[in-house]
C-alpha atoms as a PDB file:
ATOM      1  CA  MET A   1     -69.634  -0.687   4.742  1.00  0.00           C
ATOM      2  CA  GLN A   2     -66.832  -0.267   2.579  1.00  0.00           C
ATOM      3  CA  HIS A   3     -66.204   0.013  -1.616  1.00  0.00           C
ATOM      4  CA  LEU A   4     -65.316  -2.920  -3.466  1.00  0.00           C
ATOM      5  CA  SER A   5     -63.772  -1.446  -6.500  1.00  0.00           C
ATOM      6  CA  LEU A   6     -60.514  -0.248  -8.162  1.00  0.00           C
ATOM      7  CA  GLU A   7     -63.026   2.265  -9.370  1.00  0.00           C
ATOM      8  CA  PRO A   8     -63.267   5.736  -7.998  1.00  0.00           C
ATOM      9  CA  GLY A   9     -65.833   5.775  -5.618  1.00  0.00           C
ATOM     10  CA  ALA A  10     -67.279   8.904  -7.778  1.00  0.00           C
ATOM     11  CA  LEU A  11     -70.885   8.683  -9.764  1.00  0.00           C
ATOM     12  CA  GLU A  12     -71.135  11.686 -12.008  1.00  0.00           C
ATOM     13  CA  VAL A  13     -74.969  12.637 -12.378  1.00  0.00           C
ATOM     14  CA  SER A  14     -77.523  14.455 -13.523  1.00  0.00           C
ATOM     15  CA  ASP A  15     -80.099  14.958 -10.727  1.00  0.00           C
ATOM     16  CA  LEU A  16     -77.526  15.594  -8.071  1.00  0.00           C
ATOM     17  CA  ALA A  17     -80.668  15.849  -5.341  1.00  0.00           C
ATOM     18  CA  GLY A  18     -82.383  12.952  -6.162  1.00  0.00           C
ATOM     19  CA  MET A  19     -79.405  10.797  -6.797  1.00  0.00           C
ATOM     20  CA  ARG A  20     -78.377  12.092  -3.189  1.00  0.00           C
ATOM     21  CA  ARG A  21     -81.748  11.568  -1.555  1.00  0.00           C
ATOM     22  CA  PHE A  22     -81.423   8.079  -2.763  1.00  0.00           C
ATOM     23  CA  PHE A  23     -78.060   7.169  -1.018  1.00  0.00           C
ATOM     24  CA  GLU A  24     -79.525   8.597   2.246  1.00  0.00           C
ATOM     25  CA  THR A  25     -83.423   6.929   2.105  1.00  0.00           C
ATOM     26  CA  ALA A  26     -82.001   3.508   0.700  1.00  0.00           C
ATOM     27  CA  LEU A  27     -78.829   2.404   1.979  1.00  0.00           C
ATOM     28  CA  GLY A  28     -78.798   5.383   5.168  1.00  0.00           C
ATOM     29  CA  LEU A  29     -75.392   7.390   4.157  1.00  0.00           C
ATOM     30  CA  ARG A  30     -74.311   9.925   6.320  1.00  0.00           C
ATOM     31  CA  VAL A  31     -73.622  13.200   3.697  1.00  0.00           C
ATOM     32  CA  LEU A  32     -70.580  14.460   5.164  1.00  0.00           C
ATOM     33  CA  VAL A  33     -70.018  17.575   2.936  1.00  0.00           C
ATOM     34  CA  ALA A  34     -72.646  19.147   0.401  1.00  0.00           C
ATOM     35  CA  SER A  35     -72.641  21.773  -2.204  1.00  0.00           C
ATOM     36  CA  ASP A  36     -74.213  22.405  -5.837  1.00  0.00           C
ATOM     37  CA  THR A  37     -71.772  20.078  -7.772  1.00  0.00           C
ATOM     38  CA  GLY A  38     -70.830  17.921  -5.426  1.00  0.00           C
ATOM     39  CA  VAL A  39     -71.934  15.132  -2.349  1.00  0.00           C
ATOM     40  CA  THR A  40     -70.018  13.368  -0.150  1.00  0.00           C
ATOM     41  CA  LEU A  41     -71.200  10.545   1.295  1.00  0.00           C
ATOM     42  CA  GLU A  42     -69.798   8.097   4.374  1.00  0.00           C
ATOM     43  CA  LEU A  43     -69.825   4.910   3.695  1.00  0.00           C
ATOM     44  CA  GLY A  44     -67.928   3.415   6.332  1.00  0.00           C
ATOM     45  CA  GLY A  45     -66.220   5.033   9.425  1.00  0.00           C
ATOM     46  CA  GLY A  46     -63.532   3.735  12.017  1.00  0.00           C
ATOM     47  CA  GLU A  47     -59.945   3.850  11.534  1.00  0.00           C
ATOM     48  CA  ASN A  48     -60.166   4.277   7.589  1.00  0.00           C
ATOM     49  CA  THR A  49     -63.271   6.443   6.484  1.00  0.00           C
ATOM     50  CA  GLN A  50     -64.509   5.759   2.857  1.00  0.00           C
ATOM     51  CA  VAL A  51     -66.744   7.955   1.098  1.00  0.00           C
ATOM     52  CA  LEU A  52     -69.185   8.086  -1.971  1.00  0.00           C
ATOM     53  CA  MET A  53     -69.045  10.653  -4.221  1.00  0.00           C
ATOM     54  CA  LEU A  54     -71.783  12.251  -6.435  1.00  0.00           C
ATOM     55  CA  LEU A  55     -70.323  15.148  -8.724  1.00  0.00           C
ATOM     56  CA  ALA A  56     -72.725  17.244 -10.729  1.00  0.00           C
ATOM     57  CA  SER A  57     -72.747  16.099 -14.661  1.00  0.00           C
ATOM     58  CA  HIS A  58     -74.165  18.325 -17.216  1.00  0.00           C
ATOM     59  CA  THR A  59     -73.639  16.003 -19.868  1.00  0.00           C
ATOM     60  CA  PRO A  60     -74.759  12.378 -19.559  1.00  0.00           C
ATOM     61  CA  THR A  61     -72.301   9.763 -18.556  1.00  0.00           C
ATOM     62  CA  PRO A  62     -72.563   6.211 -18.992  1.00  0.00           C
ATOM     63  CA  PRO A  63     -74.089   3.838 -16.496  1.00  0.00           C
ATOM     64  CA  ARG A  64     -71.435   2.315 -14.064  1.00  0.00           C
ATOM     65  CA  THR A  65     -71.428  -0.311 -11.786  1.00  0.00           C
ATOM     66  CA  LEU A  66     -71.041   0.444  -7.643  1.00  0.00           C
ATOM     67  CA  ASN A  67     -70.049  -2.343  -6.058  1.00  0.00           C
ATOM     68  CA  LEU A  68     -69.983  -2.195  -2.288  1.00  0.00           C
ATOM     69  CA  GLU A  69     -69.626  -4.355   1.516  1.00  0.00           C
ATOM     70  CA  VAL A  70     -71.929  -4.651   3.425  1.00  0.00           C
ATOM     71  CA  ASP A  71     -71.862  -6.659   6.731  1.00  0.00           C
ATOM     72  CA  ALA A  72     -73.760  -9.825   7.260  1.00  0.00           C
ATOM     73  CA  ALA A  73     -76.288  -8.403  10.100  1.00  0.00           C
ATOM     74  CA  SER A  74     -76.922  -5.248   7.698  1.00  0.00           C
ATOM     75  CA  PHE A  75     -77.487  -7.053   4.412  1.00  0.00           C
ATOM     76  CA  PRO A  76     -81.297  -8.038   5.555  1.00  0.00           C
ATOM     77  CA  THR A  77     -82.201  -4.616   5.844  1.00  0.00           C
ATOM     78  CA  LEU A  78     -80.365  -3.121   3.134  1.00  0.00           C
ATOM     79  CA  ARG A  79     -81.952  -5.117   0.774  1.00  0.00           C
ATOM     80  CA  ARG A  80     -85.193  -4.461   2.251  1.00  0.00           C
ATOM     81  CA  ARG A  81     -84.822  -0.682   2.032  1.00  0.00           C
ATOM     82  CA  LEU A  82     -84.249  -1.619  -2.104  1.00  0.00           C
ATOM     83  CA  GLU A  83     -86.055  -3.723  -2.334  1.00  0.00           C
ATOM     84  CA  ASP A  84     -89.285  -1.224  -1.154  1.00  0.00           C
ATOM     85  CA  CYS A  85     -87.449   1.924  -2.814  1.00  0.00           C
ATOM     86  CA  GLY A  86     -90.359   1.659  -5.249  1.00  0.00           C
ATOM     87  CA  HIS A  87     -90.195   3.620  -8.649  1.00  0.00           C
ATOM     88  CA  GLU A  88     -86.991   4.884  -7.761  1.00  0.00           C
ATOM     89  CA  CYS A  89     -85.293   1.345  -8.401  1.00  0.00           C
ATOM     90  CA  GLY A  90     -86.713   0.393 -11.713  1.00  0.00           C
ATOM     91  CA  PHE A  91     -84.486  -3.392 -11.539  1.00  0.00           C
ATOM     92  CA  VAL A  92     -84.219  -4.748  -7.966  1.00  0.00           C
ATOM     93  CA  GLN A  93     -82.768  -8.536  -7.546  1.00  0.00           C
ATOM     94  CA  SER A  94     -80.985 -10.295  -4.591  1.00  0.00           C
ATOM     95  CA  TRP A  95     -79.346 -14.080  -4.505  1.00  0.00           C
ATOM     96  CA  GLU A  96     -77.677 -15.652  -1.935  1.00  0.00           C
ATOM     97  CA  GLY A  97     -74.867 -18.195  -3.021  1.00  0.00           C
ATOM     98  CA  ASP A  98     -74.642 -22.042  -1.867  1.00  0.00           C
ATOM     99  CA  ASN A  99     -73.152 -22.912   1.295  1.00  0.00           C
ATOM    100  CA  SER A 100     -69.485 -23.806   0.124  1.00  0.00           C
ATOM    101  CA  SER A 101     -66.607 -25.542   1.726  1.00  0.00           C
ATOM    102  CA  SER A 102     -64.461 -22.249   1.590  1.00  0.00           C
ATOM    103  CA  ARG A 103     -63.746 -20.507   4.052  1.00  0.00           C
ATOM    104  CA  GLN A 104     -65.879 -16.715   4.044  1.00  0.00           C
ATOM    105  CA  CYS A 105     -67.725 -17.682   0.677  1.00  0.00           C
ATOM    106  CA  ALA A 106     -71.323 -17.714   1.108  1.00  0.00           C
ATOM    107  CA  PHE A 107     -72.150 -14.318  -0.453  1.00  0.00           C
ATOM    108  CA  ARG A 108     -75.740 -12.468  -0.397  1.00  0.00           C
ATOM    109  CA  VAL A 109     -76.146  -9.921  -3.132  1.00  0.00           C
ATOM    110  CA  VAL A 110     -78.408  -7.696  -4.318  1.00  0.00           C
ATOM    111  CA  LEU A 111     -78.661  -5.850  -7.788  1.00  0.00           C
ATOM    112  CA  CYS A 112     -80.407  -2.385  -8.239  1.00  0.00           C
ATOM    113  CA  ARG A 113     -80.756  -0.239 -10.755  1.00  0.00           C
ATOM    114  CA  MET A 114     -80.321   3.094  -9.323  1.00  0.00           C
ATOM    115  CA  PRO A 115     -82.062   6.393 -10.784  1.00  0.00           C
ATOM    116  CA  GLU A 116     -80.150   7.447 -14.181  1.00  0.00           C
ATOM    117  CA  GLY A 117     -79.116   4.353 -15.087  1.00  0.00           C
ATOM    118  CA  HIS A 118     -75.902   3.450 -12.811  1.00  0.00           C
ATOM    119  CA  TRP A 119     -76.443   0.094 -10.659  1.00  0.00           C
ATOM    120  CA  LEU A 120     -75.724  -0.698  -7.065  1.00  0.00           C
ATOM    121  CA  ARG A 121     -74.632  -4.318  -5.632  1.00  0.00           C
ATOM    122  CA  LEU A 122     -74.538  -4.874  -2.231  1.00  0.00           C
ATOM    123  CA  THR A 123     -72.460  -7.724  -1.321  1.00  0.00           C
ATOM    124  CA  ALA A 124     -72.103  -9.548   1.940  1.00  0.00           C
ATOM    125  CA  ILE A 125     -70.015 -12.357   3.201  1.00  0.00           C
ATOM    126  CA  ASP A 126     -72.167 -14.432   5.973  1.00  0.00           C
ATOM    127  CA  PRO A 127     -69.548 -17.200   7.488  1.00  0.00           C
ATOM    128  CA  ALA A 128     -72.256 -18.882   9.334  1.00  0.00           C
ATOM    129  CA  ARG A 129     -73.185 -20.043   6.388  1.00  0.00           C
ATOM    130  CA  CYS A 130     -70.176 -21.513   5.013  1.00  0.00           C
ATOM    131  CA  ALA A 131     -69.951 -25.527   4.964  1.00  0.00           C
ATOM    132  CA  LEU A 132     -66.346 -24.915   7.239  1.00  0.00           C
ATOM    133  CA  SER A 133     -67.605 -22.719   9.648  1.00  0.00           C
ATOM    134  CA  THR A 134     -64.386 -21.902  11.997  1.00  0.00           C
ATOM    135  CA  ARG A 135     -65.583 -24.278  15.037  1.00  0.00           C
ATOM    136  CA  GLN A 136     -65.280 -27.040  12.443  1.00  0.00           C
ATOM    137  CA  VAL A 137     -61.585 -25.564  11.417  1.00  0.00           C
ATOM    138  CA  ARG A 138     -60.824 -25.676  15.190  1.00  0.00           C
ATOM    139  CA  ALA A 139     -61.566 -28.979  16.347  1.00  0.00           C
END
């Protein structure tokens, strides 16, 4: 999983414990560091670890959209988790892009309104669904 935005990978939240639970439960993210003022969650490992930071805030913050990319194999499970998150998600919608003649362009997307009004957009690129697959390119 990786962060797909030039915006910082941090959210200011009023209910730090609740948002931590959401990310641990809905996305299965692992906590790297936690304190009374913030939580750092691991988005992806490997050579370049990416993190999401939740920062405790005592003042209301405007809703933000967090854009994350997941691999095509993980997408169905994560979509189901978000759809099953019940009252914590006030809105969940998913869709799949049409087949395309461009390589790596068949997108799967799920948009979820997270607790506190922030939005989460998970995107997966599914090359197997592209009209022009790598097998066709090699032929």
